[in-house]
Amino acid sequence: MDSGKRKRVFSGIQPSGGLSLANYAGALRNFKALQYECDCVFCVVDLHAITVRQEPDVLQRNTYEALAIMLACGLDPERNIMFMQSHVPAHAEMAWILNCYTYCGELGRMTQFKEKSDRHSENVNVGLFDYPVLMAGDILLYKTDIVPVGADQKQHLELSRDLAIRFNNIYGDTLIVPEPYIPEVGARIMSLQEPEKKMSKSDENENAYILLVDPPDVIRRKIKRAVTDSDNRVVYLDEKPGVQNLMSIYSISTGMKIPDIEKEFETKGYGIFKDRVAEAVVELLGPIQDEFAHLVADRKYLESVMKAGAEKAECIAQKTLAKVYEKIGLLPRPK
C-alpha cells in the first residue's frame, strides 16, 4: 500500500457460529496486519445472518462470540471501529436506496445466491436474493477504499463497484469506488477431506474443517485424517491438492515459506508431516482460544466495545447517507 493518506478498510464477519481456520487464514490474520496501516471498520454482519432462519438465542450467542473471536485474534478496538451491523440503521437504509439502482439481472447472476438457494431450498427469500445490495451498502457507507475479499466474494465486490460508479454517473462524485484486497498466499484453506473445495464449517463432514475453538485433541485427529495421496512426498504440486493444503496450513501456522517446508520434510513421510502440522495449528490457536474464553465470559466488556464502535460507525455512515439523500432529492428531516 502507498505511504500517502491512510486507506479505509471495511470488512464484515457473519455470526454463523464457530469461525474456522480458513476464516483466520483468509480474513482475521490479515485484519490484524491491516489495522496498523489503515483506518479499519470491522462489522459483525448480523443482518446478513438472518437470510437463513436463526434461533434467536443462538444468534445472540453467536454474535457475542463473533466479536470475541475477532478481539482474541488481535483486533484492537482502540485502533479499529468494531460494531454490530444492526446497531447502525443506516445499513438497512442505504440498502434500500441502492436497491433502486440495482437490476434484477445483476442479482440473478450471483453464484452464491444459486448455491445458497440449493442448500436452503425451503427458504429462498428476498433477503437471500438481495443481500449483495446490503453488502454494497455496508461498504459504500464508510467511503471504503479497500475490501479484503476471498475469491467467493469478488463478484459481490464488483456489484458494489458497479453501483458506486452508476450512482456517481447520475449524481456526480458521491461514493468511493472500492478496490479489492486479496492476499496472494493463504487466502484459501481447503477442505481436509475434499481439498478441491474450500474449507467450510457448513460441511456435513466435521473432519473437513478446523474450528478456531477446536480442542487440541480434535485438531490432531482432524489433521491425522486429512486426505493426502499414496506418494508420501511433501512437495507443493497441483496434482497433490491434499498435501498442498496441509503445507499451506503449516505455512500460515509457522510463518515458513513453502520451499523451506519442502526442505524440512524432504526425507520425511506424511506421518511425521501431519504430526508437525497438527502441533503447529495447536500452538497457533492456543493463545487465541485462551483469550476467547476470557472475553466471551465478559459480556459487559463486549457490549462496551459494541456501543463505542456503533457510535463511531454511525457518525461516518450518517454523513454518507445524508449526502446520498440530498443527491437523490429526499428532504432532510426538519430540526
Protein backbone atom coordinates (compact mmCIF):
# COMPACT_ATOMS: atom_id res chain seq x y z
CA MET A 1 0.00 0.00 0.00
CA ASP A 2 1.19 3.54 -0.72
CA SER A 3 2.53 5.77 2.04
CA GLY A 4 0.09 8.64 1.47
CA LYS A 5 -3.27 9.12 3.17
CA ARG A 6 -4.34 6.11 5.22
CA LYS A 7 -6.74 3.92 3.32
CA ARG A 8 -10.05 2.93 4.85
CA VAL A 9 -10.79 -0.80 5.05
CA PHE A 10 -14.21 -2.35 5.62
CA SER A 11 -14.97 -5.99 6.24
CA GLY A 12 -17.70 -7.99 7.92
CA ILE A 13 -17.85 -11.31 9.75
CA GLN A 14 -21.07 -13.32 9.87
CA PRO A 15 -22.16 -14.56 13.31
CA SER A 16 -22.79 -18.03 11.99
CA GLY A 17 -21.28 -19.89 14.92
CA GLY A 18 -17.70 -21.11 15.02
CA LEU A 19 -15.19 -19.48 12.69
CA SER A 20 -12.78 -21.84 11.00
CA LEU A 21 -9.06 -21.89 10.29
CA ALA A 22 -9.99 -20.75 6.77
CA ASN A 23 -11.59 -17.61 8.24
CA TYR A 24 -8.39 -16.95 10.17
CA ALA A 25 -6.14 -17.52 7.15
CA GLY A 26 -8.23 -15.59 4.65
CA ALA A 27 -9.50 -12.79 6.86
CA LEU A 28 -8.67 -12.41 10.54
CA ARG A 29 -4.88 -12.55 10.35
CA ASN A 30 -4.97 -10.04 7.50
CA PHE A 31 -7.25 -7.77 9.53
CA LYS A 32 -4.68 -7.81 12.32
CA ALA A 33 -1.96 -6.67 9.90
CA LEU A 34 -4.11 -4.05 8.19
CA GLN A 35 -5.07 -2.32 11.44
CA TYR A 36 -1.55 -0.87 11.72
CA GLU A 37 -1.52 0.78 8.32
CA CYS A 38 -5.18 1.55 7.54
CA ASP A 39 -8.31 3.01 9.13
CA CYS A 40 -10.30 -0.17 9.64
CA VAL A 41 -14.03 -0.73 10.10
CA PHE A 42 -14.91 -4.28 11.15
CA CYS A 43 -18.53 -5.27 11.48
CA VAL A 44 -20.39 -8.33 12.75
CA VAL A 45 -22.98 -8.58 9.97
CA ASP A 46 -25.94 -9.91 11.92
CA LEU A 47 -28.45 -8.62 9.34
CA HIS A 48 -26.82 -10.81 6.72
CA ALA A 49 -27.14 -13.81 9.02
CA ILE A 50 -30.94 -13.72 9.06
CA THR A 51 -31.25 -14.56 5.36
CA VAL A 52 -31.14 -18.09 6.82
CA ARG A 53 -33.56 -18.99 9.61
CA GLN A 54 -31.99 -18.43 13.03
CA GLU A 55 -32.89 -19.41 16.58
CA PRO A 56 -32.92 -16.03 18.38
CA ASP A 57 -30.92 -17.16 21.43
CA VAL A 58 -28.38 -18.94 19.22
CA LEU A 59 -27.96 -15.89 17.01
CA GLN A 60 -27.36 -13.69 20.04
CA ARG A 61 -24.76 -16.09 21.42
CA ASN A 62 -23.06 -16.38 18.04
CA THR A 63 -22.97 -12.59 17.73
CA TYR A 64 -21.18 -12.16 21.04
CA GLU A 65 -18.79 -14.96 20.08
CA ALA A 66 -18.02 -13.45 16.67
CA LEU A 67 -16.92 -10.20 18.30
CA ALA A 68 -14.97 -12.10 20.97
CA ILE A 69 -13.05 -14.16 18.42
CA MET A 70 -12.18 -11.03 16.41
CA LEU A 71 -10.75 -9.46 19.56
CA ALA A 72 -9.00 -12.70 20.53
CA CYS A 73 -7.29 -12.78 17.13
CA GLY A 74 -5.65 -9.44 17.88
CA LEU A 75 -8.03 -6.77 16.60
CA ASP A 76 -7.74 -3.70 18.81
CA PRO A 77 -11.00 -1.78 19.47
CA GLU A 78 -8.89 1.33 20.16
CA ARG A 79 -7.41 1.16 16.67
CA ASN A 80 -10.47 -0.09 14.79
CA ILE A 81 -14.18 0.64 14.63
CA MET A 82 -15.87 -2.63 15.67
CA PHE A 83 -19.65 -2.90 15.90
CA MET A 84 -22.86 -4.81 15.16
CA GLN A 85 -24.41 -4.10 11.76
CA SER A 86 -27.96 -3.94 13.17
CA HIS A 87 -26.88 -1.24 15.67
CA VAL A 88 -26.39 1.23 12.79
CA PRO A 89 -29.74 1.66 10.96
CA ALA A 90 -28.02 3.43 8.06
CA HIS A 91 -27.02 0.00 6.70
CA ALA A 92 -30.63 -1.01 6.05
CA GLU A 93 -31.50 2.48 4.79
CA MET A 94 -28.58 2.54 2.34
CA ALA A 95 -29.52 -0.91 1.09
CA TRP A 96 -32.99 0.31 0.13
CA ILE A 97 -31.57 3.28 -1.77
CA LEU A 98 -29.14 1.04 -3.64
CA ASN A 99 -31.94 -1.43 -4.42
CA CYS A 100 -33.43 1.29 -6.58
CA TYR A 101 -30.23 1.37 -8.66
CA THR A 102 -29.69 -2.40 -8.91
CA TYR A 103 -31.03 -4.55 -11.72
CA CYS A 104 -32.65 -7.93 -11.08
CA GLY A 105 -30.43 -9.50 -13.72
CA GLU A 106 -27.33 -8.47 -11.78
CA LEU A 107 -28.54 -10.24 -8.65
CA GLY A 108 -29.74 -13.26 -10.61
CA ARG A 109 -26.19 -13.86 -11.85
CA MET A 110 -24.75 -14.13 -8.33
CA THR A 111 -23.31 -17.62 -7.95
CA GLN A 112 -23.60 -17.57 -4.16
CA PHE A 113 -27.35 -17.00 -4.43
CA LYS A 114 -27.64 -20.07 -6.61
CA GLU A 115 -25.53 -22.15 -4.21
CA LYS A 116 -27.37 -20.97 -1.09
CA SER A 117 -30.74 -21.47 -2.77
CA ASP A 118 -29.81 -25.10 -3.33
CA ARG A 119 -28.74 -25.51 0.31
CA HIS A 120 -31.77 -23.69 1.73
CA SER A 121 -34.44 -24.59 -0.83
CA GLU A 122 -37.17 -24.38 1.82
CA ASN A 123 -36.42 -20.68 2.43
CA VAL A 124 -35.37 -18.91 -0.77
CA ASN A 125 -36.34 -15.45 0.47
CA VAL A 126 -35.91 -11.97 -0.98
CA GLY A 127 -33.18 -11.19 1.55
CA LEU A 128 -31.13 -14.13 0.26
CA PHE A 129 -31.51 -12.78 -3.27
CA ASP A 130 -30.84 -9.19 -2.26
CA TYR A 131 -28.08 -9.46 0.32
CA PRO A 132 -25.31 -8.40 -2.13
CA VAL A 133 -27.01 -4.98 -2.18
CA LEU A 134 -26.91 -4.81 1.63
CA MET A 135 -23.24 -5.78 1.39
CA ALA A 136 -22.70 -2.94 -1.10
CA GLY A 137 -24.38 -0.58 1.36
CA ASP A 138 -22.11 -1.81 4.16
CA ILE A 139 -19.05 -0.99 2.08
CA LEU A 140 -20.12 2.28 0.46
CA LEU A 141 -21.42 3.88 3.68
CA TYR A 142 -17.88 4.14 5.04
CA LYS A 143 -16.17 5.61 1.97
CA THR A 144 -14.21 2.40 1.82
CA ASP A 145 -11.03 2.28 -0.24
CA ILE A 146 -10.12 -1.39 0.28
CA VAL A 147 -12.20 -4.50 0.93
CA PRO A 148 -10.43 -7.73 1.91
CA VAL A 149 -12.27 -10.42 -0.05
CA GLY A 150 -11.94 -14.09 -0.74
CA ALA A 151 -12.38 -15.44 -4.24
CA ASP A 152 -16.01 -16.31 -3.48
CA GLN A 153 -16.85 -12.67 -2.64
CA LYS A 154 -15.21 -10.97 -5.63
CA GLN A 155 -18.50 -10.99 -7.54
CA HIS A 156 -20.23 -9.12 -4.71
CA LEU A 157 -17.49 -6.52 -4.54
CA GLU A 158 -17.83 -5.99 -8.29
CA LEU A 159 -21.51 -5.19 -7.72
CA SER A 160 -20.51 -2.64 -5.05
CA ARG A 161 -18.13 -1.03 -7.52
CA ASP A 162 -20.75 -1.03 -10.30
CA LEU A 163 -23.35 0.58 -8.02
CA ALA A 164 -20.93 3.29 -6.87
CA ILE A 165 -19.96 4.07 -10.47
CA ARG A 166 -23.62 4.05 -11.59
CA PHE A 167 -24.66 6.40 -8.78
CA ASN A 168 -21.73 8.74 -9.43
CA ASN A 169 -22.50 8.83 -13.16
CA ILE A 170 -26.04 10.00 -12.39
CA TYR A 171 -25.44 12.37 -9.47
CA GLY A 172 -21.77 13.31 -9.61
CA ASP A 173 -18.91 12.32 -7.34
CA THR A 174 -20.61 10.93 -4.23
CA LEU A 175 -19.46 7.39 -3.44
CA ILE A 176 -15.94 5.93 -3.27
CA VAL A 177 -15.35 3.04 -5.70
CA PRO A 178 -13.70 0.35 -3.53
CA GLU A 179 -10.78 -1.84 -4.55
CA PRO A 180 -10.30 -5.50 -3.57
CA TYR A 181 -7.51 -6.65 -1.27
CA ILE A 182 -6.71 -10.30 -1.97
CA PRO A 183 -3.60 -11.71 -0.24
CA GLU A 184 -1.51 -13.81 -2.61
CA VAL A 185 -0.73 -16.54 -0.09
CA GLY A 186 -3.07 -18.33 2.24
CA ALA A 187 -6.25 -16.65 1.04
CA ARG A 188 -7.96 -20.03 0.81
CA ILE A 189 -7.62 -23.02 3.07
CA MET A 190 -9.28 -26.04 1.57
CA SER A 191 -11.34 -28.88 2.98
CA LEU A 192 -9.29 -31.53 4.78
CA GLN A 193 -11.46 -34.23 3.22
CA GLU A 194 -12.10 -32.77 -0.25
CA PRO A 195 -9.14 -30.46 -0.91
CA GLU A 196 -10.54 -29.37 -4.26
CA LYS A 197 -13.16 -27.27 -2.44
CA LYS A 198 -12.74 -24.59 0.21
CA MET A 199 -12.88 -25.35 3.92
CA SER A 200 -16.33 -24.55 5.33
CA LYS A 201 -17.82 -25.21 8.73
CA SER A 202 -21.15 -25.91 6.99
CA ASP A 203 -19.60 -29.10 5.59
CA GLU A 204 -21.55 -32.16 6.73
CA ASN A 205 -18.27 -33.94 7.50
CA GLU A 206 -16.85 -32.40 10.68
CA ASN A 207 -13.41 -33.80 9.80
CA ALA A 208 -13.31 -31.45 6.80
CA TYR A 209 -12.73 -28.27 8.82
CA ILE A 210 -10.88 -26.97 11.87
CA LEU A 211 -12.70 -24.50 14.08
CA LEU A 212 -10.68 -21.85 15.87
CA VAL A 213 -12.11 -23.17 19.15
CA ASP A 214 -11.48 -26.88 18.46
CA PRO A 215 -9.62 -28.54 21.38
CA PRO A 216 -6.06 -29.79 20.69
CA ASP A 217 -7.08 -33.47 20.55
CA VAL A 218 -9.78 -32.68 17.98
CA ILE A 219 -7.31 -30.71 15.85
CA ARG A 220 -4.81 -33.58 15.94
CA ARG A 221 -7.49 -36.09 14.97
CA LYS A 222 -8.73 -33.99 12.04
CA ILE A 223 -5.22 -33.38 10.69
CA LYS A 224 -4.37 -37.07 11.04
CA ARG A 225 -7.45 -37.97 8.96
CA ALA A 226 -6.76 -35.32 6.32
CA VAL A 227 -6.75 -36.62 2.75
CA THR A 228 -3.34 -36.80 1.06
CA ASP A 229 -2.27 -39.44 -1.51
CA SER A 230 -0.12 -42.56 -1.76
CA ASP A 231 3.03 -40.76 -2.92
CA ASN A 232 4.34 -39.89 0.59
CA ARG A 233 6.36 -36.86 -0.69
CA VAL A 234 5.83 -33.44 0.87
CA VAL A 235 6.02 -31.27 -2.24
CA TYR A 236 3.81 -28.40 -3.35
CA LEU A 237 2.29 -29.63 -6.62
CA ASP A 238 -1.16 -29.05 -8.13
CA GLU A 239 -1.63 -32.77 -8.58
CA LYS A 240 -1.29 -33.17 -4.80
CA PRO A 241 -4.08 -30.89 -3.51
CA GLY A 242 -4.32 -32.52 -0.09
CA VAL A 243 -0.59 -32.12 0.55
CA GLN A 244 -0.67 -28.60 -0.87
CA ASN A 245 -3.43 -27.72 1.58
CA LEU A 246 -1.57 -29.10 4.61
CA MET A 247 1.56 -27.23 3.52
CA SER A 248 -0.46 -24.00 3.32
CA ILE A 249 -1.83 -24.64 6.80
CA TYR A 250 1.70 -25.28 8.10
CA SER A 251 2.95 -22.11 6.40
CA ILE A 252 0.20 -19.99 7.97
CA SER A 253 0.75 -21.57 11.39
CA THR A 254 4.54 -21.20 11.45
CA GLY A 255 5.29 -18.34 9.03
CA MET A 256 7.56 -20.62 6.99
CA LYS A 257 7.81 -20.32 3.20
CA ILE A 258 6.74 -23.25 1.03
CA PRO A 259 10.28 -24.02 -0.29
CA ASP A 260 11.55 -24.19 3.31
CA ILE A 261 8.72 -26.56 4.23
CA GLU A 262 9.61 -28.82 1.31
CA LYS A 263 13.22 -28.85 2.51
CA GLU A 264 12.23 -29.60 6.12
CA PHE A 265 10.23 -32.67 5.09
CA GLU A 266 12.16 -33.88 2.04
CA THR A 267 13.27 -37.06 3.84
CA LYS A 268 10.16 -37.48 6.00
CA GLY A 269 6.82 -39.08 5.23
CA TYR A 270 3.25 -37.99 5.74
CA GLY A 271 3.03 -39.34 9.29
CA ILE A 272 5.69 -37.01 10.67
CA PHE A 273 4.45 -34.18 8.44
CA LYS A 274 0.87 -34.44 9.71
CA ASP A 275 2.04 -34.60 13.34
CA ARG A 276 4.00 -31.37 12.92
CA VAL A 277 1.16 -29.64 11.08
CA ALA A 278 -1.19 -30.55 13.90
CA GLU A 279 1.18 -29.29 16.60
CA ALA A 280 1.76 -26.06 14.69
CA VAL A 281 -2.00 -25.44 14.49
CA VAL A 282 -2.44 -26.26 18.19
CA GLU A 283 0.35 -23.81 19.05
CA LEU A 284 -1.13 -21.10 16.82
CA LEU A 285 -4.66 -21.40 18.21
CA GLY A 286 -3.81 -21.93 21.89
CA PRO A 287 -3.40 -18.24 22.81
CA ILE A 288 -6.42 -17.29 20.70
CA GLN A 289 -8.57 -19.88 22.48
CA ASP A 290 -7.41 -18.72 25.92
CA GLU A 291 -8.21 -15.09 25.14
CA PHE A 292 -11.54 -16.03 23.55
CA ALA A 293 -12.62 -17.94 26.67
CA HIS A 294 -11.79 -14.88 28.79
CA LEU A 295 -13.58 -12.41 26.50
CA VAL A 296 -16.74 -14.38 25.80
CA ALA A 297 -17.37 -14.63 29.55
CA ASP A 298 -17.25 -10.82 29.89
CA ARG A 299 -20.39 -9.61 28.13
CA LYS A 300 -20.21 -6.23 29.82
CA TYR A 301 -16.87 -5.57 28.13
CA LEU A 302 -18.11 -6.87 24.76
CA GLU A 303 -21.14 -4.59 24.98
CA SER A 304 -18.88 -1.61 25.74
CA VAL A 305 -16.92 -2.36 22.57
CA MET A 306 -20.18 -2.66 20.58
CA LYS A 307 -21.52 0.63 21.95
CA ALA A 308 -18.38 2.65 21.31
CA GLY A 309 -17.97 1.13 17.85
CA ALA A 310 -21.58 1.76 16.84
CA GLU A 311 -21.33 5.43 17.87
CA LYS A 312 -18.21 5.93 15.73
CA ALA A 313 -19.66 3.96 12.82
CA GLU A 314 -22.96 5.83 12.91
CA CYS A 315 -21.20 9.18 12.72
CA ILE A 316 -19.49 8.20 9.46
CA ALA A 317 -22.46 6.32 8.00
CA GLN A 318 -24.97 9.11 8.62
CA LYS A 319 -22.79 11.65 6.81
CA THR A 320 -22.66 9.42 3.73
CA LEU A 321 -26.37 8.66 3.90
CA ALA A 322 -27.28 12.35 4.25
CA LYS A 323 -25.21 13.15 1.17
CA VAL A 324 -26.90 10.35 -0.78
CA TYR A 325 -30.36 11.51 0.33
CA GLU A 326 -29.58 15.05 -0.76
CA LYS A 327 -28.29 13.94 -4.16
CA ILE A 328 -31.42 11.92 -4.98
CA GLY A 329 -33.81 14.64 -3.75
CA LEU A 330 -35.03 13.38 -0.38
CA LEU A 331 -35.80 16.17 2.07
CA PRO A 332 -33.72 16.36 5.23
CA ARG A 333 -35.67 15.85 8.45
CA PRO A 334 -36.53 19.29 9.90
CA LYS A 335 -34.54 20.07 13.04
